[in-house]
Amino acid sequence: MRALEALLVLILISAWVAGCVAIVRNLRDRDRRVRWQVGVHTRDDGTMIVALERAGEPPRTVRELPPGMDSTEFTSELRLAVEDAEAQAQELNRR
């Protein structure tokens, strides 16, 4: 009877350790995936581009801000564009 109890405890501990190893592997692999990031770039003509970028794929433009904007309006629009792009990047990275 003692041998059966010891075997059952051994099986339960082995399953627990295997579960922990699987969780750690999953977390480590998730960090290695290529993630979407927000990039802000300026074209030669002065246009500011807010885009989503990921290695191996063309950038996805979220918003283009023209060079002749008022500085207050430009700052506000840039902030909104970056926030929108960050929200889109979070959504794409969840998939």
PDB file of N, CA and C in Angstrom:
ATOM      1  N   MET A   1       0.812  -1.177   0.000  1.00  0.00           N
ATOM      2  CA  MET A   1       0.000   0.000   0.000  1.00  0.00           C
ATOM      3  C   MET A   1       0.870   1.261   0.000  1.00  0.00           C
ATOM      4  N   ARG A   2       1.963   1.210   0.759  1.00  0.00           N
ATOM      5  CA  ARG A   2       2.889   2.351   0.808  1.00  0.00           C
ATOM      6  C   ARG A   2       3.501   2.607  -0.563  1.00  0.00           C
ATOM      7  N   ALA A   3       3.807   1.560  -1.285  1.00  0.00           N
ATOM      8  CA  ALA A   3       4.412   1.707  -2.609  1.00  0.00           C
ATOM      9  C   ALA A   3       3.439   2.390  -3.559  1.00  0.00           C
ATOM     10  N   LEU A   4       2.172   2.084  -3.483  1.00  0.00           N
ATOM     11  CA  LEU A   4       1.153   2.690  -4.324  1.00  0.00           C
ATOM     12  C   LEU A   4       1.015   4.187  -4.013  1.00  0.00           C
ATOM     13  N   GLU A   5       1.033   4.545  -2.743  1.00  0.00           N
ATOM     14  CA  GLU A   5       0.973   5.952  -2.351  1.00  0.00           C
ATOM     15  C   GLU A   5       2.204   6.708  -2.829  1.00  0.00           C
ATOM     16  N   ALA A   6       3.368   6.110  -2.689  1.00  0.00           N
ATOM     17  CA  ALA A   6       4.607   6.738  -3.146  1.00  0.00           C
ATOM     18  C   ALA A   6       4.582   6.933  -4.659  1.00  0.00           C
ATOM     19  N   LEU A   7       4.067   5.944  -5.389  1.00  0.00           N
ATOM     20  CA  LEU A   7       3.969   6.048  -6.840  1.00  0.00           C
ATOM     21  C   LEU A   7       3.010   7.177  -7.235  1.00  0.00           C
ATOM     22  N   LEU A   8       1.891   7.282  -6.545  1.00  0.00           N
ATOM     23  CA  LEU A   8       0.924   8.339  -6.817  1.00  0.00           C
ATOM     24  C   LEU A   8       1.529   9.719  -6.545  1.00  0.00           C
ATOM     25  N   VAL A   9       2.246   9.875  -5.464  1.00  0.00           N
ATOM     26  CA  VAL A   9       2.911  11.143  -5.143  1.00  0.00           C
ATOM     27  C   VAL A   9       3.954  11.472  -6.211  1.00  0.00           C
ATOM     28  N   LEU A  10       4.710  10.482  -6.640  1.00  0.00           N
ATOM     29  CA  LEU A  10       5.719  10.688  -7.678  1.00  0.00           C
ATOM     30  C   LEU A  10       5.072  11.146  -8.980  1.00  0.00           C
ATOM     31  N   ILE A  11       3.948  10.547  -9.340  1.00  0.00           N
ATOM     32  CA  ILE A  11       3.250  10.931 -10.569  1.00  0.00           C
ATOM     33  C   ILE A  11       2.726  12.364 -10.459  1.00  0.00           C
ATOM     34  N   LEU A  12       2.156  12.720  -9.330  1.00  0.00           N
ATOM     35  CA  LEU A  12       1.631  14.076  -9.145  1.00  0.00           C
ATOM     36  C   LEU A  12       2.737  15.130  -9.178  1.00  0.00           C
ATOM     37  N   ILE A  13       3.847  14.839  -8.542  1.00  0.00           N
ATOM     38  CA  ILE A  13       4.965  15.786  -8.554  1.00  0.00           C
ATOM     39  C   ILE A  13       5.525  15.924  -9.962  1.00  0.00           C
ATOM     40  N   SER A  14       5.631  14.817 -10.694  1.00  0.00           N
ATOM     41  CA  SER A  14       6.134  14.866 -12.070  1.00  0.00           C
ATOM     42  C   SER A  14       5.213  15.701 -12.964  1.00  0.00           C
ATOM     43  N   ALA A  15       3.897  15.528 -12.800  1.00  0.00           N
ATOM     44  CA  ALA A  15       2.947  16.310 -13.590  1.00  0.00           C
ATOM     45  C   ALA A  15       3.048  17.792 -13.251  1.00  0.00           C
ATOM     46  N   TRP A  16       3.236  18.118 -11.977  1.00  0.00           N
ATOM     47  CA  TRP A  16       3.359  19.508 -11.562  1.00  0.00           C
ATOM     48  C   TRP A  16       4.611  20.143 -12.167  1.00  0.00           C
ATOM     49  N   VAL A  17       5.728  19.422 -12.112  1.00  0.00           N
ATOM     50  CA  VAL A  17       6.984  19.941 -12.681  1.00  0.00           C
ATOM     51  C   VAL A  17       6.852  20.108 -14.187  1.00  0.00           C
ATOM     52  N   ALA A  18       6.234  19.136 -14.863  1.00  0.00           N
ATOM     53  CA  ALA A  18       6.047  19.237 -16.317  1.00  0.00           C
ATOM     54  C   ALA A  18       5.167  20.440 -16.662  1.00  0.00           C
ATOM     55  N   GLY A  19       4.149  20.705 -15.874  1.00  0.00           N
ATOM     56  CA  GLY A  19       3.303  21.872 -16.109  1.00  0.00           C
ATOM     57  C   GLY A  19       4.063  23.178 -15.950  1.00  0.00           C
ATOM     58  N   CYS A  20       4.903  23.258 -14.938  1.00  0.00           N
ATOM     59  CA  CYS A  20       5.719  24.462 -14.728  1.00  0.00           C
ATOM     60  C   CYS A  20       6.684  24.680 -15.888  1.00  0.00           C
ATOM     61  N   VAL A  21       7.304  23.608 -16.348  1.00  0.00           N
ATOM     62  CA  VAL A  21       8.230  23.709 -17.479  1.00  0.00           C
ATOM     63  C   VAL A  21       7.489  24.181 -18.729  1.00  0.00           C
ATOM     64  N   ALA A  22       6.293  23.665 -18.976  1.00  0.00           N
ATOM     65  CA  ALA A  22       5.512  24.073 -20.142  1.00  0.00           C
ATOM     66  C   ALA A  22       5.140  25.553 -20.067  1.00  0.00           C
ATOM     67  N   ILE A  23       4.776  26.031 -18.900  1.00  0.00           N
ATOM     68  CA  ILE A  23       4.424  27.449 -18.733  1.00  0.00           C
ATOM     69  C   ILE A  23       5.635  28.340 -18.991  1.00  0.00           C
ATOM     70  N   VAL A  24       6.785  27.976 -18.449  1.00  0.00           N
ATOM     71  CA  VAL A  24       7.998  28.776 -18.650  1.00  0.00           C
ATOM     72  C   VAL A  24       8.397  28.791 -20.121  1.00  0.00           C
ATOM     73  N   ARG A  25       8.303  27.661 -20.790  1.00  0.00           N
ATOM     74  CA  ARG A  25       8.631  27.614 -22.227  1.00  0.00           C
ATOM     75  C   ARG A  25       7.702  28.505 -23.030  1.00  0.00           C
ATOM     76  N   ASN A  26       6.424  28.469 -22.721  1.00  0.00           N
ATOM     77  CA  ASN A  26       5.448  29.288 -23.436  1.00  0.00           C
ATOM     78  C   ASN A  26       5.745  30.770 -23.241  1.00  0.00           C
ATOM     79  N   LEU A  27       6.061  31.177 -22.039  1.00  0.00           N
ATOM     80  CA  LEU A  27       6.385  32.579 -21.775  1.00  0.00           C
ATOM     81  C   LEU A  27       7.648  33.007 -22.501  1.00  0.00           C
ATOM     82  N   ARG A  28       8.644  32.144 -22.522  1.00  0.00           N
ATOM     83  CA  ARG A  28       9.900  32.463 -23.191  1.00  0.00           C
ATOM     84  C   ARG A  28       9.701  32.565 -24.698  1.00  0.00           C
ATOM     85  N   ASP A  29       8.917  31.666 -25.288  1.00  0.00           N
ATOM     86  CA  ASP A  29       8.674  31.699 -26.732  1.00  0.00           C
ATOM     87  C   ASP A  29       7.860  32.916 -27.131  1.00  0.00           C
ATOM     88  N   ARG A  30       6.953  33.349 -26.262  1.00  0.00           N
ATOM     89  CA  ARG A  30       6.130  34.510 -26.579  1.00  0.00           C
ATOM     90  C   ARG A  30       6.988  35.766 -26.663  1.00  0.00           C
ATOM     91  N   ASP A  31       8.022  35.867 -25.840  1.00  0.00           N
ATOM     92  CA  ASP A  31       8.895  37.037 -25.872  1.00  0.00           C
ATOM     93  C   ASP A  31       9.781  37.056 -27.108  1.00  0.00           C
ATOM     94  N   ARG A  32      10.027  35.911 -27.700  1.00  0.00           N
ATOM     95  CA  ARG A  32      10.897  35.841 -28.882  1.00  0.00           C
ATOM     96  C   ARG A  32      10.188  36.216 -30.173  1.00  0.00           C
ATOM     97  N   ARG A  33       8.861  36.178 -30.170  1.00  0.00           N
ATOM     98  CA  ARG A  33       8.127  36.513 -31.384  1.00  0.00           C
ATOM     99  C   ARG A  33       8.398  37.950 -31.794  1.00  0.00           C
ATOM    100  N   VAL A  34       8.414  38.175 -33.093  1.00  0.00           N
ATOM    101  CA  VAL A  34       8.611  39.526 -33.608  1.00  0.00           C
ATOM    102  C   VAL A  34       7.332  40.307 -33.361  1.00  0.00           C
ATOM    103  N   ARG A  35       7.469  41.449 -32.725  1.00  0.00           N
ATOM    104  CA  ARG A  35       6.316  42.232 -32.320  1.00  0.00           C
ATOM    105  C   ARG A  35       6.194  43.502 -33.162  1.00  0.00           C
ATOM    106  N   TRP A  36       4.963  43.991 -33.271  1.00  0.00           N
ATOM    107  CA  TRP A  36       4.708  45.257 -33.939  1.00  0.00           C
ATOM    108  C   TRP A  36       5.155  46.396 -33.033  1.00  0.00           C
ATOM    109  N   GLN A  37       5.773  47.411 -33.643  1.00  0.00           N
ATOM    110  CA  GLN A  37       6.236  48.587 -32.913  1.00  0.00           C
ATOM    111  C   GLN A  37       5.780  49.836 -33.646  1.00  0.00           C
ATOM    112  N   VAL A  38       5.701  50.934 -32.905  1.00  0.00           N
ATOM    113  CA  VAL A  38       5.317  52.221 -33.495  1.00  0.00           C
ATOM    114  C   VAL A  38       6.586  52.948 -33.920  1.00  0.00           C
ATOM    115  N   GLY A  39       6.585  53.418 -35.151  1.00  0.00           N
ATOM    116  CA  GLY A  39       7.715  54.189 -35.658  1.00  0.00           C
ATOM    117  C   GLY A  39       7.246  55.555 -36.138  1.00  0.00           C
ATOM    118  N   VAL A  40       8.012  56.580 -35.833  1.00  0.00           N
ATOM    119  CA  VAL A  40       7.713  57.939 -36.296  1.00  0.00           C
ATOM    120  C   VAL A  40       8.896  58.395 -37.133  1.00  0.00           C
ATOM    121  N   HIS A  41       8.622  58.737 -38.402  1.00  0.00           N
ATOM    122  CA  HIS A  41       9.688  59.112 -39.336  1.00  0.00           C
ATOM    123  C   HIS A  41       9.291  60.382 -40.077  1.00  0.00           C
ATOM    124  N   THR A  42      10.292  61.076 -40.576  1.00  0.00           N
ATOM    125  CA  THR A  42      10.062  62.286 -41.367  1.00  0.00           C
ATOM    126  C   THR A  42      10.548  62.041 -42.788  1.00  0.00           C
ATOM    127  N   ARG A  43       9.683  62.354 -43.745  1.00  0.00           N
ATOM    128  CA  ARG A  43      10.068  62.258 -45.162  1.00  0.00           C
ATOM    129  C   ARG A  43      10.917  63.476 -45.533  1.00  0.00           C
ATOM    130  N   ASP A  44      11.503  63.412 -46.710  1.00  0.00           N
ATOM    131  CA  ASP A  44      12.332  64.523 -47.191  1.00  0.00           C
ATOM    132  C   ASP A  44      11.532  65.811 -47.358  1.00  0.00           C
ATOM    133  N   ASP A  45      10.231  65.690 -47.662  1.00  0.00           N
ATOM    134  CA  ASP A  45       9.412  66.887 -47.846  1.00  0.00           C
ATOM    135  C   ASP A  45       8.893  67.466 -46.530  1.00  0.00           C
ATOM    136  N   GLY A  46       9.225  66.840 -45.392  1.00  0.00           N
ATOM    137  CA  GLY A  46       8.827  67.334 -44.084  1.00  0.00           C
ATOM    138  C   GLY A  46       7.596  66.670 -43.503  1.00  0.00           C
ATOM    139  N   THR A  47       6.975  65.779 -44.259  1.00  0.00           N
ATOM    140  CA  THR A  47       5.794  65.074 -43.768  1.00  0.00           C
ATOM    141  C   THR A  47       6.195  64.093 -42.668  1.00  0.00           C
ATOM    142  N   MET A  48       5.474  64.112 -41.564  1.00  0.00           N
ATOM    143  CA  MET A  48       5.737  63.204 -40.446  1.00  0.00           C
ATOM    144  C   MET A  48       4.854  61.971 -40.628  1.00  0.00           C
ATOM    145  N   ILE A  49       5.466  60.791 -40.575  1.00  0.00           N
ATOM    146  CA  ILE A  49       4.753  59.527 -40.759  1.00  0.00           C
ATOM    147  C   ILE A  49       4.733  58.769 -39.444  1.00  0.00           C
ATOM    148  N   VAL A  50       3.544  58.351 -39.011  1.00  0.00           N
ATOM    149  CA  VAL A  50       3.394  57.458 -37.858  1.00  0.00           C
ATOM    150  C   VAL A  50       2.960  56.117 -38.433  1.00  0.00           C
ATOM    151  N   ALA A  51       3.766  55.073 -38.177  1.00  0.00           N
ATOM    152  CA  ALA A  51       3.505  53.776 -38.802  1.00  0.00           C
ATOM    153  C   ALA A  51       3.756  52.634 -37.828  1.00  0.00           C
ATOM    154  N   LEU A  52       3.129  51.492 -38.126  1.00  0.00           N
ATOM    155  CA  LEU A  52       3.397  50.256 -37.406  1.00  0.00           C
ATOM    156  C   LEU A  52       4.460  49.497 -38.178  1.00  0.00           C
ATOM    157  N   GLU A  53       5.477  49.006 -37.479  1.00  0.00           N
ATOM    158  CA  GLU A  53       6.603  48.349 -38.141  1.00  0.00           C
ATOM    159  C   GLU A  53       6.882  47.003 -37.496  1.00  0.00           C
ATOM    160  N   ARG A  54       7.273  46.052 -38.338  1.00  0.00           N
ATOM    161  CA  ARG A  54       7.697  44.739 -37.864  1.00  0.00           C
ATOM    162  C   ARG A  54       8.666  44.181 -38.885  1.00  0.00           C
ATOM    163  N   ALA A  55       9.693  43.523 -38.395  1.00  0.00           N
ATOM    164  CA  ALA A  55      10.717  42.969 -39.287  1.00  0.00           C
ATOM    165  C   ALA A  55      10.084  41.987 -40.270  1.00  0.00           C
ATOM    166  N   GLY A  56      10.479  42.103 -41.520  1.00  0.00           N
ATOM    167  CA  GLY A  56      10.010  41.183 -42.541  1.00  0.00           C
ATOM    168  C   GLY A  56       8.704  41.586 -43.203  1.00  0.00           C
ATOM    169  N   GLU A  57       8.131  42.707 -42.808  1.00  0.00           N
ATOM    170  CA  GLU A  57       6.875  43.177 -43.397  1.00  0.00           C
ATOM    171  C   GLU A  57       6.978  44.660 -43.704  1.00  0.00           C
ATOM    172  N   PRO A  58       6.249  45.112 -44.724  1.00  0.00           N
ATOM    173  CA  PRO A  58       6.262  46.551 -45.003  1.00  0.00           C
ATOM    174  C   PRO A  58       5.544  47.309 -43.891  1.00  0.00           C
ATOM    175  N   PRO A  59       5.964  48.534 -43.608  1.00  0.00           N
ATOM    176  CA  PRO A  59       5.303  49.313 -42.545  1.00  0.00           C
ATOM    177  C   PRO A  59       3.858  49.636 -42.917  1.00  0.00           C
ATOM    178  N   ARG A  60       3.016  49.721 -41.900  1.00  0.00           N
ATOM    179  CA  ARG A  60       1.614  50.096 -42.086  1.00  0.00           C
ATOM    180  C   ARG A  60       1.448  51.526 -41.584  1.00  0.00           C
ATOM    181  N   THR A  61       1.191  52.431 -42.501  1.00  0.00           N
ATOM    182  CA  THR A  61       1.046  53.838 -42.141  1.00  0.00           C
ATOM    183  C   THR A  61      -0.263  54.050 -41.382  1.00  0.00           C
ATOM    184  N   VAL A  62      -0.156  54.668 -40.225  1.00  0.00           N
ATOM    185  CA  VAL A  62      -1.336  54.981 -39.418  1.00  0.00           C
ATOM    186  C   VAL A  62      -1.813  56.392 -39.743  1.00  0.00           C
ATOM    187  N   ARG A  63      -0.871  57.343 -39.795  1.00  0.00           N
ATOM    188  CA  ARG A  63      -1.242  58.722 -40.090  1.00  0.00           C
ATOM    189  C   ARG A  63      -0.054  59.475 -40.664  1.00  0.00           C
ATOM    190  N   GLU A  64      -0.359  60.409 -41.580  1.00  0.00           N
ATOM    191  CA  GLU A  64       0.640  61.312 -42.147  1.00  0.00           C
ATOM    192  C   GLU A  64       0.273  62.732 -41.716  1.00  0.00           C
ATOM    193  N   LEU A  65       1.253  63.443 -41.172  1.00  0.00           N
ATOM    194  CA  LEU A  65       1.024  64.819 -40.729  1.00  0.00           C
ATOM    195  C   LEU A  65       1.794  65.762 -41.651  1.00  0.00           C
ATOM    196  N   PRO A  66       1.095  66.705 -42.309  1.00  0.00           N
ATOM    197  CA  PRO A  66       1.761  67.611 -43.250  1.00  0.00           C
ATOM    198  C   PRO A  66       2.696  68.584 -42.538  1.00  0.00           C
ATOM    199  N   PRO A  67       3.705  69.094 -43.259  1.00  0.00           N
ATOM    200  CA  PRO A  67       4.710  69.953 -42.623  1.00  0.00           C
ATOM    201  C   PRO A  67       4.227  71.347 -42.249  1.00  0.00           C
ATOM    202  N   GLY A  68       3.163  71.851 -42.811  1.00  0.00           N
ATOM    203  CA  GLY A  68       2.756  73.236 -42.576  1.00  0.00           C
ATOM    204  C   GLY A  68       1.767  73.433 -41.443  1.00  0.00           C
ATOM    205  N   MET A  69       1.659  72.492 -40.531  1.00  0.00           N
ATOM    206  CA  MET A  69       0.669  72.607 -39.454  1.00  0.00           C
ATOM    207  C   MET A  69       1.152  73.557 -38.362  1.00  0.00           C
ATOM    208  N   ASP A  70       0.185  74.159 -37.656  1.00  0.00           N
ATOM    209  CA  ASP A  70       0.466  74.964 -36.476  1.00  0.00           C
ATOM    210  C   ASP A  70       1.113  74.054 -35.432  1.00  0.00           C
ATOM    211  N   SER A  71       2.055  74.575 -34.657  1.00  0.00           N
ATOM    212  CA  SER A  71       2.807  73.727 -33.727  1.00  0.00           C
ATOM    213  C   SER A  71       1.921  73.086 -32.657  1.00  0.00           C
ATOM    214  N   THR A  72       0.926  73.818 -32.171  1.00  0.00           N
ATOM    215  CA  THR A  72       0.021  73.257 -31.156  1.00  0.00           C
ATOM    216  C   THR A  72      -0.828  72.146 -31.755  1.00  0.00           C
ATOM    217  N   GLU A  73      -1.345  72.393 -32.937  1.00  0.00           N
ATOM    218  CA  GLU A  73      -2.157  71.386 -33.618  1.00  0.00           C
ATOM    219  C   GLU A  73      -1.303  70.173 -33.987  1.00  0.00           C
ATOM    220  N   PHE A  74      -0.081  70.434 -34.452  1.00  0.00           N
ATOM    221  CA  PHE A  74       0.824  69.346 -34.816  1.00  0.00           C
ATOM    222  C   PHE A  74       1.128  68.446 -33.614  1.00  0.00           C
ATOM    223  N   THR A  75       1.430  69.063 -32.470  1.00  0.00           N
ATOM    224  CA  THR A  75       1.731  68.300 -31.251  1.00  0.00           C
ATOM    225  C   THR A  75       0.547  67.445 -30.849  1.00  0.00           C
ATOM    226  N   SER A  76      -0.643  68.029 -30.893  1.00  0.00           N
ATOM    227  CA  SER A  76      -1.855  67.300 -30.525  1.00  0.00           C
ATOM    228  C   SER A  76      -2.125  66.142 -31.483  1.00  0.00           C
ATOM    229  N   GLU A  77      -2.031  66.407 -32.773  1.00  0.00           N
ATOM    230  CA  GLU A  77      -2.268  65.372 -33.781  1.00  0.00           C
ATOM    231  C   GLU A  77      -1.225  64.254 -33.695  1.00  0.00           C
ATOM    232  N   LEU A  78       0.029  64.623 -33.447  1.00  0.00           N
ATOM    233  CA  LEU A  78       1.082  63.611 -33.325  1.00  0.00           C
ATOM    234  C   LEU A  78       0.831  62.723 -32.112  1.00  0.00           C
ATOM    235  N   ARG A  79       0.459  63.327 -31.001  1.00  0.00           N
ATOM    236  CA  ARG A  79       0.161  62.544 -29.787  1.00  0.00           C
ATOM    237  C   ARG A  79      -0.990  61.570 -30.038  1.00  0.00           C
ATOM    238  N   LEU A  80      -2.057  62.048 -30.677  1.00  0.00           N
ATOM    239  CA  LEU A  80      -3.198  61.189 -30.978  1.00  0.00           C
ATOM    240  C   LEU A  80      -2.813  60.060 -31.936  1.00  0.00           C
ATOM    241  N   ALA A  81      -1.994  60.385 -32.925  1.00  0.00           N
ATOM    242  CA  ALA A  81      -1.580  59.371 -33.888  1.00  0.00           C
ATOM    243  C   ALA A  81      -0.734  58.285 -33.230  1.00  0.00           C
ATOM    244  N   VAL A  82       0.175  58.691 -32.356  1.00  0.00           N
ATOM    245  CA  VAL A  82       1.028  57.717 -31.666  1.00  0.00           C
ATOM    246  C   VAL A  82       0.189  56.851 -30.727  1.00  0.00           C
ATOM    247  N   GLU A  83      -0.752  57.462 -30.007  1.00  0.00           N
ATOM    248  CA  GLU A  83      -1.624  56.681 -29.120  1.00  0.00           C
ATOM    249  C   GLU A  83      -2.452  55.683 -29.911  1.00  0.00           C
ATOM    250  N   ASP A  84      -2.976  56.114 -31.057  1.00  0.00           N
ATOM    251  CA  ASP A  84      -3.756  55.221 -31.912  1.00  0.00           C
ATOM    252  C   ASP A  84      -2.888  54.075 -32.430  1.00  0.00           C
ATOM    253  N   ALA A  85      -1.673  54.401 -32.857  1.00  0.00           N
ATOM    254  CA  ALA A  85      -0.760  53.371 -33.363  1.00  0.00           C
ATOM    255  C   ALA A  85      -0.368  52.385 -32.258  1.00  0.00           C
ATOM    256  N   GLU A  86      -0.154  52.887 -31.034  1.00  0.00           N
ATOM    257  CA  GLU A  86       0.181  51.988 -29.918  1.00  0.00           C
ATOM    258  C   GLU A  86      -0.967  51.035 -29.613  1.00  0.00           C
ATOM    259  N   ALA A  87      -2.199  51.541 -29.686  1.00  0.00           N
ATOM    260  CA  ALA A  87      -3.356  50.673 -29.448  1.00  0.00           C
ATOM    261  C   ALA A  87      -3.463  49.595 -30.539  1.00  0.00           C
ATOM    262  N   GLN A  88      -3.215  49.985 -31.789  1.00  0.00           N
ATOM    263  CA  GLN A  88      -3.241  49.017 -32.877  1.00  0.00           C
ATOM    264  C   GLN A  88      -2.116  47.985 -32.726  1.00  0.00           C
ATOM    265  N   ALA A  89      -0.938  48.430 -32.312  1.00  0.00           N
ATOM    266  CA  ALA A  89       0.184  47.502 -32.124  1.00  0.00           C
ATOM    267  C   ALA A  89      -0.128  46.502 -31.017  1.00  0.00           C
ATOM    268  N   GLN A  90      -0.731  46.966 -29.930  1.00  0.00           N
ATOM    269  CA  GLN A  90      -1.122  46.045 -28.846  1.00  0.00           C
ATOM    270  C   GLN A  90      -2.087  44.996 -29.348  1.00  0.00           C
ATOM    271  N   GLU A  91      -3.069  45.433 -30.147  1.00  0.00           N
ATOM    272  CA  GLU A  91      -4.055  44.489 -30.674  1.00  0.00           C
ATOM    273  C   GLU A  91      -3.403  43.472 -31.611  1.00  0.00           C
ATOM    274  N   LEU A  92      -2.519  43.926 -32.475  1.00  0.00           N
ATOM    275  CA  LEU A  92      -1.835  43.017 -33.399  1.00  0.00           C
ATOM    276  C   LEU A  92      -0.900  42.064 -32.666  1.00  0.00           C
ATOM    277  N   ASN A  93      -0.282  42.515 -31.591  1.00  0.00           N
ATOM    278  CA  ASN A  93       0.648  41.661 -30.847  1.00  0.00           C
ATOM    279  C   ASN A  93      -0.071  40.596 -30.020  1.00  0.00           C
ATOM    280  N   ARG A  94      -1.350  40.800 -29.725  1.00  0.00           N
ATOM    281  CA  ARG A  94      -2.114  39.781 -28.990  1.00  0.00           C
ATOM    282  C   ARG A  94      -2.388  38.555 -29.835  1.00  0.00           C
ATOM    283  N   ARG A  95      -2.458  38.745 -31.129  1.00  0.00           N
ATOM    284  CA  ARG A  95      -2.805  37.630 -32.030  1.00  0.00           C
ATOM    285  C   ARG A  95      -1.692  36.641 -32.115  1.00  0.00           C
TER     286      ARG A  95
END
